[in-house]
């Protein structure tokens, strides 16, 4: 009985940090105001075609495609007027790299955020949702942030980092790009007021029952349809998570579900399965923004994870929600 009571006490602690969406995307009122949604959808499709069709598989099994992906990301940043660098490191005898760009109001902005996404895919897949969708959202957010900085006086810095080697066999090893970056950032005492990890953000489903959850969340009143974006944070990041949710709620076209977990997520291992965990482990505030991966997308880590399966309106609305946050936090 004591163990049973402890379990429910722990569940109550977790769910004290939960927030459900206010409305379904297809029922919500209001409309996007910060960007041209249709144009953004087209630009997102362009990135997905480049990453998953022109380049294709982006795994350690095809290292030349990792190099091509780095070149594509850097070329995009150059085209919108941002300087980007490759932070290279060795992976078992060959060079891989994180790609880093930054938009900042000056050398010492009041707040500094990091928007990250891994660009590699699982071997044997082109990784449309996992994780080309996130890279595409990252790039389009950068495009609109650049325009926003040109129109408004913002006391803000946003570092954009595209990480190498999140997927197996590098996953949870010292070769993960996010682990390399987070450890170096901590050693250098880099200021990061919050890290936003984009992890699989392109798949939506609208039929009741299409959305699943990790134990024990399935026993609670979470949405049955997968039309929302999830934000997962640890206890240290709870105020950062709340701030993100408050701004995301302004976009009534994209419902948001929040989950705050204790013990850096170790009690629900599936919430640690991306690059935000590298920053949690270094003491930084970080969240994962996700469509919930294999709890929603049946194509996870299979060759069926292709660009035509994605919901580009869903992704464009996420760009909008991110812009609401960055505009308000300066």
C-alpha atoms as a PDB file:
ATOM      1  CA  UNK A   1       0.000   0.000   0.000  1.00  0.00           C
ATOM      2  CA  UNK A   2       2.842   2.400   0.759  1.00  0.00           C
ATOM      3  CA  UNK A   3       4.281   1.899  -2.739  1.00  0.00           C
ATOM      4  CA  UNK A   4       0.828   2.390  -4.253  1.00  0.00           C
ATOM      5  CA  UNK A   5       0.345   5.621  -2.317  1.00  0.00           C
ATOM      6  CA  UNK A   6       3.794   6.829  -3.320  1.00  0.00           C
ATOM      7  CA  UNK A   7       2.972   6.152  -6.960  1.00  0.00           C
ATOM      8  CA  UNK A   8      -0.157   8.282  -6.829  1.00  0.00           C
ATOM      9  CA  UNK A   9       1.649  11.030  -4.945  1.00  0.00           C
ATOM     10  CA  UNK A  10       4.205  11.104  -7.756  1.00  0.00           C
ATOM     11  CA  UNK A  11       1.455  11.199 -10.377  1.00  0.00           C
ATOM     12  CA  UNK A  12      -0.156  14.133  -8.566  1.00  0.00           C
ATOM     13  CA  UNK A  13       3.166  15.967  -8.587  1.00  0.00           C
ATOM     14  CA  UNK A  14       3.503  15.419 -12.329  1.00  0.00           C
ATOM     15  CA  UNK A  15      -0.032  16.451 -13.117  1.00  0.00           C
ATOM     16  CA  UNK A  16       0.227  19.615 -11.090  1.00  0.00           C
ATOM     17  CA  UNK A  17       2.364  20.740 -14.012  1.00  0.00           C
ATOM     18  CA  UNK A  18       0.016  19.615 -16.789  1.00  0.00           C
ATOM     19  CA  UNK A  19      -2.096  21.822 -18.973  1.00  0.00           C
ATOM     20  CA  UNK A  20      -4.627  20.710 -21.548  1.00  0.00           C
ATOM     21  CA  UNK A  21      -5.428  22.472 -24.810  1.00  0.00           C
ATOM     22  CA  UNK A  22      -8.247  24.974 -24.746  1.00  0.00           C
ATOM     23  CA  UNK A  23      -9.674  24.001 -28.145  1.00  0.00           C
ATOM     24  CA  UNK A  24      -9.181  21.707 -31.083  1.00  0.00           C
ATOM     25  CA  UNK A  25      -7.441  23.287 -34.051  1.00  0.00           C
ATOM     26  CA  UNK A  26     -10.456  22.693 -36.261  1.00  0.00           C
ATOM     27  CA  UNK A  27     -12.801  24.236 -33.666  1.00  0.00           C
ATOM     28  CA  UNK A  28     -10.696  27.175 -32.563  1.00  0.00           C
ATOM     29  CA  UNK A  29     -11.482  30.744 -33.390  1.00  0.00           C
ATOM     30  CA  UNK A  30      -8.979  33.412 -34.327  1.00  0.00           C
ATOM     31  CA  UNK A  31      -6.354  33.399 -37.054  1.00  0.00           C
ATOM     32  CA  UNK A  32      -2.628  33.788 -37.503  1.00  0.00           C
ATOM     33  CA  UNK A  33      -1.402  37.346 -37.467  1.00  0.00           C
ATOM     34  CA  UNK A  34       2.400  37.349 -37.663  1.00  0.00           C
ATOM     35  CA  UNK A  35       3.096  35.547 -40.929  1.00  0.00           C
ATOM     36  CA  UNK A  36       1.640  34.423 -44.238  1.00  0.00           C
ATOM     37  CA  UNK A  37       0.578  30.867 -43.393  1.00  0.00           C
ATOM     38  CA  UNK A  38       0.141  29.684 -46.975  1.00  0.00           C
ATOM     39  CA  UNK A  39       3.535  31.013 -48.023  1.00  0.00           C
ATOM     40  CA  UNK A  40       5.115  29.447 -44.930  1.00  0.00           C
ATOM     41  CA  UNK A  41       3.582  26.079 -45.790  1.00  0.00           C
ATOM     42  CA  UNK A  42       5.161  26.277 -49.249  1.00  0.00           C
ATOM     43  CA  UNK A  43       8.559  27.181 -47.796  1.00  0.00           C
ATOM     44  CA  UNK A  44       8.338  24.305 -45.326  1.00  0.00           C
ATOM     45  CA  UNK A  45       7.549  21.901 -48.165  1.00  0.00           C
ATOM     46  CA  UNK A  46      10.603  23.191 -49.982  1.00  0.00           C
ATOM     47  CA  UNK A  47      12.838  22.361 -47.030  1.00  0.00           C
ATOM     48  CA  UNK A  48      11.306  18.904 -46.684  1.00  0.00           C
ATOM     49  CA  UNK A  49      11.877  18.183 -50.362  1.00  0.00           C
ATOM     50  CA  UNK A  50      15.493  19.316 -50.128  1.00  0.00           C
ATOM     51  CA  UNK A  51      16.237  17.348 -46.970  1.00  0.00           C
ATOM     52  CA  UNK A  52      14.313  14.124 -47.635  1.00  0.00           C
ATOM     53  CA  UNK A  53      14.221  13.833 -51.420  1.00  0.00           C
ATOM     54  CA  UNK A  54      17.211  15.717 -52.832  1.00  0.00           C
ATOM     55  CA  UNK A  55      19.527  14.691 -49.977  1.00  0.00           C
ATOM     56  CA  UNK A  56      17.622  11.691 -48.574  1.00  0.00           C
ATOM     57  CA  UNK A  57      18.877   9.538 -45.724  1.00  0.00           C
ATOM     58  CA  UNK A  58      20.922  11.601 -43.270  1.00  0.00           C
ATOM     59  CA  UNK A  59      22.446   8.928 -41.055  1.00  0.00           C
ATOM     60  CA  UNK A  60      25.977   7.972 -40.042  1.00  0.00           C
ATOM     61  CA  UNK A  61      25.669   5.271 -42.692  1.00  0.00           C
ATOM     62  CA  UNK A  62      25.710   8.000 -45.376  1.00  0.00           C
ATOM     63  CA  UNK A  63      28.183  10.587 -44.030  1.00  0.00           C
ATOM     64  CA  UNK A  64      28.287  12.497 -47.320  1.00  0.00           C
ATOM     65  CA  UNK A  65      24.596  13.310 -46.820  1.00  0.00           C
ATOM     66  CA  UNK A  66      25.321  14.727 -43.386  1.00  0.00           C
ATOM     67  CA  UNK A  67      27.834  17.013 -45.082  1.00  0.00           C
ATOM     68  CA  UNK A  68      25.250  17.997 -47.704  1.00  0.00           C
ATOM     69  CA  UNK A  69      22.754  18.802 -44.961  1.00  0.00           C
ATOM     70  CA  UNK A  70      25.228  21.059 -43.170  1.00  0.00           C
ATOM     71  CA  UNK A  71      25.849  22.856 -46.476  1.00  0.00           C
ATOM     72  CA  UNK A  72      22.094  23.250 -47.083  1.00  0.00           C
ATOM     73  CA  UNK A  73      21.459  24.761 -43.647  1.00  0.00           C
ATOM     74  CA  UNK A  74      24.414  27.133 -43.895  1.00  0.00           C
ATOM     75  CA  UNK A  75      23.382  28.186 -47.403  1.00  0.00           C
ATOM     76  CA  UNK A  76      19.866  29.008 -46.180  1.00  0.00           C
ATOM     77  CA  UNK A  77      21.211  31.197 -43.386  1.00  0.00           C
ATOM     78  CA  UNK A  78      23.518  32.952 -45.814  1.00  0.00           C
ATOM     79  CA  UNK A  79      20.563  33.623 -48.143  1.00  0.00           C
ATOM     80  CA  UNK A  80      18.601  35.382 -45.385  1.00  0.00           C
ATOM     81  CA  UNK A  81      21.595  37.418 -44.265  1.00  0.00           C
ATOM     82  CA  UNK A  82      22.858  35.422 -41.292  1.00  0.00           C
ATOM     83  CA  UNK A  83      26.352  34.125 -40.741  1.00  0.00           C
ATOM     84  CA  UNK A  84      26.560  30.460 -39.839  1.00  0.00           C
ATOM     85  CA  UNK A  85      29.439  28.314 -38.702  1.00  0.00           C
ATOM     86  CA  UNK A  86      30.159  24.609 -38.467  1.00  0.00           C
ATOM     87  CA  UNK A  87      31.298  23.422 -35.051  1.00  0.00           C
ATOM     88  CA  UNK A  88      33.074  20.260 -36.109  1.00  0.00           C
ATOM     89  CA  UNK A  89      34.053  17.268 -34.008  1.00  0.00           C
ATOM     90  CA  UNK A  90      35.290  13.751 -34.616  1.00  0.00           C
ATOM     91  CA  UNK A  91      32.990  10.765 -34.849  1.00  0.00           C
ATOM     92  CA  UNK A  92      35.022   7.571 -35.032  1.00  0.00           C
ATOM     93  CA  UNK A  93      37.440   8.885 -37.611  1.00  0.00           C
ATOM     94  CA  UNK A  94      35.364  11.271 -39.661  1.00  0.00           C
ATOM     95  CA  UNK A  95      34.185  14.815 -39.165  1.00  0.00           C
ATOM     96  CA  UNK A  96      30.641  15.781 -38.238  1.00  0.00           C
ATOM     97  CA  UNK A  97      29.363  19.190 -37.241  1.00  0.00           C
ATOM     98  CA  UNK A  98      26.725  21.175 -35.405  1.00  0.00           C
ATOM     99  CA  UNK A  99      25.573  24.207 -37.397  1.00  0.00           C
ATOM    100  CA  UNK A 100      25.297  27.450 -35.428  1.00  0.00           C
ATOM    101  CA  UNK A 101      23.794  30.804 -36.403  1.00  0.00           C
ATOM    102  CA  UNK A 102      22.587  33.680 -34.252  1.00  0.00           C
ATOM    103  CA  UNK A 103      20.174  36.582 -34.416  1.00  0.00           C
ATOM    104  CA  UNK A 104      20.846  39.186 -31.750  1.00  0.00           C
ATOM    105  CA  UNK A 105      20.053  42.779 -30.911  1.00  0.00           C
ATOM    106  CA  UNK A 106      23.646  43.313 -29.821  1.00  0.00           C
ATOM    107  CA  UNK A 107      26.602  41.770 -28.004  1.00  0.00           C
ATOM    108  CA  UNK A 108      24.821  41.632 -24.621  1.00  0.00           C
ATOM    109  CA  UNK A 109      21.073  41.150 -25.067  1.00  0.00           C
ATOM    110  CA  UNK A 110      18.913  40.947 -21.955  1.00  0.00           C
ATOM    111  CA  UNK A 111      17.746  37.443 -22.808  1.00  0.00           C
ATOM    112  CA  UNK A 112      19.379  34.634 -24.739  1.00  0.00           C
ATOM    113  CA  UNK A 113      17.528  31.614 -26.070  1.00  0.00           C
ATOM    114  CA  UNK A 114      18.617  28.604 -28.072  1.00  0.00           C
ATOM    115  CA  UNK A 115      16.362  27.024 -30.713  1.00  0.00           C
ATOM    116  CA  UNK A 116      17.693  23.572 -31.563  1.00  0.00           C
ATOM    117  CA  UNK A 117      16.845  20.618 -33.800  1.00  0.00           C
ATOM    118  CA  UNK A 118      18.817  17.560 -34.855  1.00  0.00           C
ATOM    119  CA  UNK A 119      19.227  17.136 -38.609  1.00  0.00           C
ATOM    120  CA  UNK A 120      20.217  13.481 -38.863  1.00  0.00           C
ATOM    121  CA  UNK A 121      17.850  10.590 -39.547  1.00  0.00           C
ATOM    122  CA  UNK A 122      17.722   6.939 -38.564  1.00  0.00           C
ATOM    123  CA  UNK A 123      19.562   4.585 -40.921  1.00  0.00           C
ATOM    124  CA  UNK A 124      17.317   3.381 -43.721  1.00  0.00           C
ATOM    125  CA  UNK A 125      14.936   6.346 -43.502  1.00  0.00           C
ATOM    126  CA  UNK A 126      14.707   9.841 -44.958  1.00  0.00           C
ATOM    127  CA  UNK A 127      13.308  11.089 -41.628  1.00  0.00           C
ATOM    128  CA  UNK A 128      10.604  13.518 -42.715  1.00  0.00           C
ATOM    129  CA  UNK A 129       8.956  13.957 -39.335  1.00  0.00           C
ATOM    130  CA  UNK A 130      12.093  12.727 -37.541  1.00  0.00           C
ATOM    131  CA  UNK A 131      13.569  15.235 -37.860  1.00  0.00           C
ATOM    132  CA  UNK A 132      13.444  17.200 -41.105  1.00  0.00           C
ATOM    133  CA  UNK A 133      10.155  18.715 -39.926  1.00  0.00           C
ATOM    134  CA  UNK A 134      11.953  20.307 -36.985  1.00  0.00           C
ATOM    135  CA  UNK A 135      14.829  21.617 -39.095  1.00  0.00           C
ATOM    136  CA  UNK A 136      12.308  23.150 -41.504  1.00  0.00           C
ATOM    137  CA  UNK A 137      10.453  24.883 -38.650  1.00  0.00           C
ATOM    138  CA  UNK A 138      13.775  26.058 -37.229  1.00  0.00           C
ATOM    139  CA  UNK A 139      14.814  27.580 -40.552  1.00  0.00           C
ATOM    140  CA  UNK A 140      11.490  29.297 -41.196  1.00  0.00           C
ATOM    141  CA  UNK A 141      11.425  30.658 -37.647  1.00  0.00           C
ATOM    142  CA  UNK A 142      14.868  32.106 -38.330  1.00  0.00           C
ATOM    143  CA  UNK A 143      13.597  33.720 -41.532  1.00  0.00           C
ATOM    144  CA  UNK A 144      10.746  35.498 -39.764  1.00  0.00           C
ATOM    145  CA  UNK A 145      12.875  36.365 -36.729  1.00  0.00           C
ATOM    146  CA  UNK A 146      15.329  38.108 -39.042  1.00  0.00           C
ATOM    147  CA  UNK A 147      12.467  40.161 -40.445  1.00  0.00           C
ATOM    148  CA  UNK A 148      11.095  40.826 -36.950  1.00  0.00           C
ATOM    149  CA  UNK A 149      14.464  42.122 -35.735  1.00  0.00           C
ATOM    150  CA  UNK A 150      14.491  44.448 -38.740  1.00  0.00           C
ATOM    151  CA  UNK A 151      11.074  45.909 -37.837  1.00  0.00           C
ATOM    152  CA  UNK A 152      11.134  46.038 -34.042  1.00  0.00           C
ATOM    153  CA  UNK A 153      13.612  46.989 -31.355  1.00  0.00           C
ATOM    154  CA  UNK A 154      14.184  43.736 -29.487  1.00  0.00           C
ATOM    155  CA  UNK A 155      16.628  43.254 -26.612  1.00  0.00           C
ATOM    156  CA  UNK A 156      17.049  39.589 -27.412  1.00  0.00           C
ATOM    157  CA  UNK A 157      19.430  36.964 -28.751  1.00  0.00           C
ATOM    158  CA  UNK A 158      18.344  33.698 -30.392  1.00  0.00           C
ATOM    159  CA  UNK A 159      20.981  31.106 -31.194  1.00  0.00           C
ATOM    160  CA  UNK A 160      19.967  28.561 -33.822  1.00  0.00           C
ATOM    161  CA  UNK A 161      21.744  25.224 -33.493  1.00  0.00           C
ATOM    162  CA  UNK A 162      21.197  22.262 -35.815  1.00  0.00           C
ATOM    163  CA  UNK A 163      22.628  19.229 -34.064  1.00  0.00           C
ATOM    164  CA  UNK A 164      24.446  16.260 -35.553  1.00  0.00           C
ATOM    165  CA  UNK A 165      23.980  12.653 -34.468  1.00  0.00           C
ATOM    166  CA  UNK A 166      20.954  12.488 -32.219  1.00  0.00           C
ATOM    167  CA  UNK A 167      19.944   9.100 -33.617  1.00  0.00           C
ATOM    168  CA  UNK A 168      21.439   5.659 -32.920  1.00  0.00           C
ATOM    169  CA  UNK A 169      24.197   4.542 -32.782  1.00  0.00           C
ATOM    170  CA  UNK A 170      25.323   7.916 -31.387  1.00  0.00           C
ATOM    171  CA  UNK A 171      22.240   8.399 -29.193  1.00  0.00           C
ATOM    172  CA  UNK A 172      23.087   8.684 -25.481  1.00  0.00           C
ATOM    173  CA  UNK A 173      26.807   8.649 -26.225  1.00  0.00           C
ATOM    174  CA  UNK A 174      29.414  11.377 -26.076  1.00  0.00           C
ATOM    175  CA  UNK A 175      29.056  11.749 -29.847  1.00  0.00           C
ATOM    176  CA  UNK A 176      25.562  13.281 -29.742  1.00  0.00           C
ATOM    177  CA  UNK A 177      25.804  16.757 -31.208  1.00  0.00           C
ATOM    178  CA  UNK A 178      23.626  18.259 -28.479  1.00  0.00           C
ATOM    179  CA  UNK A 179      25.701  16.623 -25.762  1.00  0.00           C
ATOM    180  CA  UNK A 180      28.881  18.017 -27.310  1.00  0.00           C
ATOM    181  CA  UNK A 181      27.339  21.493 -27.522  1.00  0.00           C
ATOM    182  CA  UNK A 182      25.767  21.514 -24.034  1.00  0.00           C
ATOM    183  CA  UNK A 183      28.952  20.337 -22.348  1.00  0.00           C
ATOM    184  CA  UNK A 184      31.020  22.984 -24.129  1.00  0.00           C
ATOM    185  CA  UNK A 185      28.430  25.664 -23.309  1.00  0.00           C
ATOM    186  CA  UNK A 186      28.489  24.750 -19.636  1.00  0.00           C
ATOM    187  CA  UNK A 187      32.285  24.741 -19.539  1.00  0.00           C
ATOM    188  CA  UNK A 188      32.326  28.189 -21.160  1.00  0.00           C
ATOM    189  CA  UNK A 189      29.539  29.416 -18.833  1.00  0.00           C
ATOM    190  CA  UNK A 190      27.420  30.345 -21.837  1.00  0.00           C
ATOM    191  CA  UNK A 191      24.238  32.147 -20.834  1.00  0.00           C
ATOM    192  CA  UNK A 192      21.140  30.332 -22.088  1.00  0.00           C
ATOM    193  CA  UNK A 193      17.879  31.543 -20.551  1.00  0.00           C
ATOM    194  CA  UNK A 194      16.026  28.698 -22.184  1.00  0.00           C
ATOM    195  CA  UNK A 195      16.653  25.972 -24.761  1.00  0.00           C
ATOM    196  CA  UNK A 196      13.804  24.973 -27.093  1.00  0.00           C
ATOM    197  CA  UNK A 197      14.305  21.562 -28.671  1.00  0.00           C
ATOM    198  CA  UNK A 198      12.204  20.903 -31.769  1.00  0.00           C
ATOM    199  CA  UNK A 199      11.670  17.147 -32.014  1.00  0.00           C
ATOM    200  CA  UNK A 200       9.282  15.684 -34.610  1.00  0.00           C
ATOM    201  CA  UNK A 201       6.843  18.554 -35.152  1.00  0.00           C
ATOM    202  CA  UNK A 202       5.122  17.709 -38.443  1.00  0.00           C
ATOM    203  CA  UNK A 203       2.598  14.923 -37.882  1.00  0.00           C
ATOM    204  CA  UNK A 204      -0.997  15.474 -36.806  1.00  0.00           C
ATOM    205  CA  UNK A 205      -3.990  13.148 -36.618  1.00  0.00           C
ATOM    206  CA  UNK A 206      -7.584  14.153 -36.032  1.00  0.00           C
ATOM    207  CA  UNK A 207      -9.506  10.937 -35.383  1.00  0.00           C
ATOM    208  CA  UNK A 208     -10.335  10.197 -31.724  1.00  0.00           C
ATOM    209  CA  UNK A 209      -8.051   7.439 -30.474  1.00  0.00           C
ATOM    210  CA  UNK A 210      -5.146   8.202 -32.824  1.00  0.00           C
ATOM    211  CA  UNK A 211      -3.095   9.751 -30.001  1.00  0.00           C
ATOM    212  CA  UNK A 212      -1.330   7.594 -27.407  1.00  0.00           C
ATOM    213  CA  UNK A 213       0.648   8.449 -24.270  1.00  0.00           C
ATOM    214  CA  UNK A 214       3.442   7.021 -22.125  1.00  0.00           C
ATOM    215  CA  UNK A 215       2.487   5.321 -18.865  1.00  0.00           C
ATOM    216  CA  UNK A 216       0.815   6.572 -16.707  1.00  0.00           C
ATOM    217  CA  UNK A 217      -0.449   9.534 -18.738  1.00  0.00           C
ATOM    218  CA  UNK A 218      -2.880   7.398 -20.716  1.00  0.00           C
ATOM    219  CA  UNK A 219      -5.046   6.997 -17.606  1.00  0.00           C
ATOM    220  CA  UNK A 220      -5.780  10.708 -17.465  1.00  0.00           C
ATOM    221  CA  UNK A 221      -7.898  13.101 -19.450  1.00  0.00           C
ATOM    222  CA  UNK A 222      -5.473  13.918 -22.236  1.00  0.00           C
ATOM    223  CA  UNK A 223      -6.779  14.647 -25.758  1.00  0.00           C
ATOM    224  CA  UNK A 224      -7.719  11.578 -27.796  1.00  0.00           C
ATOM    225  CA  UNK A 225      -6.826  13.233 -31.109  1.00  0.00           C
ATOM    226  CA  UNK A 226      -3.321  14.303 -32.080  1.00  0.00           C
ATOM    227  CA  UNK A 227      -4.032  17.853 -33.195  1.00  0.00           C
ATOM    228  CA  UNK A 228      -1.915  19.595 -30.537  1.00  0.00           C
ATOM    229  CA  UNK A 229       1.735  20.421 -30.011  1.00  0.00           C
ATOM    230  CA  UNK A 230       3.338  19.187 -26.789  1.00  0.00           C
ATOM    231  CA  UNK A 231       5.780  21.060 -24.559  1.00  0.00           C
ATOM    232  CA  UNK A 232       7.741  18.959 -22.064  1.00  0.00           C
ATOM    233  CA  UNK A 233       9.903  20.518 -19.370  1.00  0.00           C
ATOM    234  CA  UNK A 234      11.593  19.471 -16.146  1.00  0.00           C
ATOM    235  CA  UNK A 235      10.961  21.118 -12.779  1.00  0.00           C
ATOM    236  CA  UNK A 236      13.845  23.559 -13.160  1.00  0.00           C
ATOM    237  CA  UNK A 237      12.311  24.715 -16.453  1.00  0.00           C
ATOM    238  CA  UNK A 238       8.765  25.093 -15.113  1.00  0.00           C
ATOM    239  CA  UNK A 239       8.600  28.888 -15.384  1.00  0.00           C
ATOM    240  CA  UNK A 240      10.156  28.800 -18.844  1.00  0.00           C
ATOM    241  CA  UNK A 241       7.619  26.144 -19.870  1.00  0.00           C
ATOM    242  CA  UNK A 242       4.772  28.240 -18.496  1.00  0.00           C
ATOM    243  CA  UNK A 243       5.986  31.310 -20.390  1.00  0.00           C
ATOM    244  CA  UNK A 244       6.088  29.347 -23.644  1.00  0.00           C
ATOM    245  CA  UNK A 245       2.607  27.938 -23.111  1.00  0.00           C
ATOM    246  CA  UNK A 246       1.198  31.373 -22.318  1.00  0.00           C
ATOM    247  CA  UNK A 247       2.467  32.718 -25.638  1.00  0.00           C
ATOM    248  CA  UNK A 248       1.571  29.610 -27.629  1.00  0.00           C
ATOM    249  CA  UNK A 249      -1.995  29.964 -26.334  1.00  0.00           C
ATOM    250  CA  UNK A 250      -2.283  33.183 -28.324  1.00  0.00           C
ATOM    251  CA  UNK A 251      -2.345  31.051 -31.454  1.00  0.00           C
ATOM    252  CA  UNK A 252      -5.829  29.540 -31.301  1.00  0.00           C
ATOM    253  CA  UNK A 253      -5.103  27.493 -34.423  1.00  0.00           C
ATOM    254  CA  UNK A 254      -2.597  25.282 -32.603  1.00  0.00           C
ATOM    255  CA  UNK A 255      -3.617  23.844 -29.236  1.00  0.00           C
ATOM    256  CA  UNK A 256      -0.819  23.113 -26.780  1.00  0.00           C
ATOM    257  CA  UNK A 257      -0.412  20.496 -24.041  1.00  0.00           C
ATOM    258  CA  UNK A 258       2.173  21.050 -21.299  1.00  0.00           C
ATOM    259  CA  UNK A 259       3.877  18.407 -19.174  1.00  0.00           C
ATOM    260  CA  UNK A 260       6.336  19.163 -16.371  1.00  0.00           C
ATOM    261  CA  UNK A 261       8.248  16.160 -15.048  1.00  0.00           C
ATOM    262  CA  UNK A 262      10.445  15.687 -11.940  1.00  0.00           C
ATOM    263  CA  UNK A 263      13.892  14.108 -11.752  1.00  0.00           C
ATOM    264  CA  UNK A 264      14.918  15.367 -15.220  1.00  0.00           C
ATOM    265  CA  UNK A 265      12.401  12.954 -16.726  1.00  0.00           C
ATOM    266  CA  UNK A 266      14.058   9.738 -15.601  1.00  0.00           C
ATOM    267  CA  UNK A 267      10.758   8.365 -14.266  1.00  0.00           C
ATOM    268  CA  UNK A 268       9.215   8.614 -17.766  1.00  0.00           C
ATOM    269  CA  UNK A 269      12.186   7.720 -19.979  1.00  0.00           C
ATOM    270  CA  UNK A 270      10.356   8.517 -23.232  1.00  0.00           C
ATOM    271  CA  UNK A 271      10.359  12.235 -22.362  1.00  0.00           C
ATOM    272  CA  UNK A 272      14.188  12.216 -22.467  1.00  0.00           C
ATOM    273  CA  UNK A 273      14.491  10.909 -26.012  1.00  0.00           C
ATOM    274  CA  UNK A 274      15.838  14.067 -27.636  1.00  0.00           C
ATOM    275  CA  UNK A 275      18.383  16.860 -27.420  1.00  0.00           C
ATOM    276  CA  UNK A 276      16.754  18.839 -24.592  1.00  0.00           C
ATOM    277  CA  UNK A 277      17.924  16.124 -22.161  1.00  0.00           C
ATOM    278  CA  UNK A 278      21.545  17.033 -22.943  1.00  0.00           C
ATOM    279  CA  UNK A 279      20.795  20.539 -21.627  1.00  0.00           C
ATOM    280  CA  UNK A 280      18.831  19.294 -18.601  1.00  0.00           C
ATOM    281  CA  UNK A 281      21.862  17.217 -17.659  1.00  0.00           C
ATOM    282  CA  UNK A 282      24.086  20.316 -17.789  1.00  0.00           C
ATOM    283  CA  UNK A 283      21.723  22.312 -15.577  1.00  0.00           C
ATOM    284  CA  UNK A 284      20.124  24.461 -18.265  1.00  0.00           C
ATOM    285  CA  UNK A 285      16.436  25.259 -18.555  1.00  0.00           C
ATOM    286  CA  UNK A 286      15.147  23.385 -21.593  1.00  0.00           C
ATOM    287  CA  UNK A 287      11.942  22.061 -23.125  1.00  0.00           C
ATOM    288  CA  UNK A 288      11.034  19.646 -25.880  1.00  0.00           C
ATOM    289  CA  UNK A 289       8.436  20.859 -28.378  1.00  0.00           C
ATOM    290  CA  UNK A 290       7.007  17.803 -30.124  1.00  0.00           C
ATOM    291  CA  UNK A 291       4.123  16.118 -31.924  1.00  0.00           C
ATOM    292  CA  UNK A 292       4.806  13.237 -29.462  1.00  0.00           C
ATOM    293  CA  UNK A 293       6.713  11.036 -31.946  1.00  0.00           C
ATOM    294  CA  UNK A 294       5.780   7.335 -31.840  1.00  0.00           C
ATOM    295  CA  UNK A 295       2.841   8.038 -29.538  1.00  0.00           C
ATOM    296  CA  UNK A 296       1.159   9.603 -32.592  1.00  0.00           C
ATOM    297  CA  UNK A 297       3.107   8.912 -35.766  1.00  0.00           C
ATOM    298  CA  UNK A 298       2.921   5.255 -36.920  1.00  0.00           C
ATOM    299  CA  UNK A 299       5.753   5.901 -39.396  1.00  0.00           C
ATOM    300  CA  UNK A 300       8.325   6.596 -36.683  1.00  0.00           C
ATOM    301  CA  UNK A 301      11.779   5.213 -37.562  1.00  0.00           C
ATOM    302  CA  UNK A 302      10.516   3.468 -40.709  1.00  0.00           C
ATOM    303  CA  UNK A 303      10.999   4.112 -44.434  1.00  0.00           C
ATOM    304  CA  UNK A 304       7.366   5.307 -44.456  1.00  0.00           C
ATOM    305  CA  UNK A 305       8.373   8.525 -42.655  1.00  0.00           C
ATOM    306  CA  UNK A 306       8.136  10.624 -45.832  1.00  0.00           C
ATOM    307  CA  UNK A 307       7.213  14.224 -46.564  1.00  0.00           C
ATOM    308  CA  UNK A 308       3.715  13.597 -47.973  1.00  0.00           C
ATOM    309  CA  UNK A 309       2.619  12.272 -44.567  1.00  0.00           C
ATOM    310  CA  UNK A 310       3.164  15.620 -42.849  1.00  0.00           C
ATOM    311  CA  UNK A 311       0.723  18.394 -41.992  1.00  0.00           C
ATOM    312  CA  UNK A 312       2.289  21.609 -43.279  1.00  0.00           C
ATOM    313  CA  UNK A 313      -0.414  23.859 -41.833  1.00  0.00           C
ATOM    314  CA  UNK A 314       0.325  22.353 -38.419  1.00  0.00           C
ATOM    315  CA  UNK A 315       4.035  23.121 -38.886  1.00  0.00           C
ATOM    316  CA  UNK A 316       3.379  26.671 -40.115  1.00  0.00           C
ATOM    317  CA  UNK A 317       1.239  27.358 -37.058  1.00  0.00           C
ATOM    318  CA  UNK A 318       4.135  26.221 -34.873  1.00  0.00           C
ATOM    319  CA  UNK A 319       6.368  28.813 -36.536  1.00  0.00           C
ATOM    320  CA  UNK A 320       3.695  31.364 -35.641  1.00  0.00           C
ATOM    321  CA  UNK A 321       3.572  30.219 -32.017  1.00  0.00           C
ATOM    322  CA  UNK A 322       7.360  30.413 -31.678  1.00  0.00           C
ATOM    323  CA  UNK A 323       7.305  33.950 -33.030  1.00  0.00           C
ATOM    324  CA  UNK A 324       4.690  34.938 -30.444  1.00  0.00           C
ATOM    325  CA  UNK A 325       7.082  33.747 -27.755  1.00  0.00           C
ATOM    326  CA  UNK A 326      10.207  35.438 -29.074  1.00  0.00           C
ATOM    327  CA  UNK A 327       8.433  38.732 -29.751  1.00  0.00           C
ATOM    328  CA  UNK A 328       7.107  38.873 -26.209  1.00  0.00           C
ATOM    329  CA  UNK A 329      10.324  37.842 -24.429  1.00  0.00           C
ATOM    330  CA  UNK A 330      12.757  40.642 -25.081  1.00  0.00           C
END
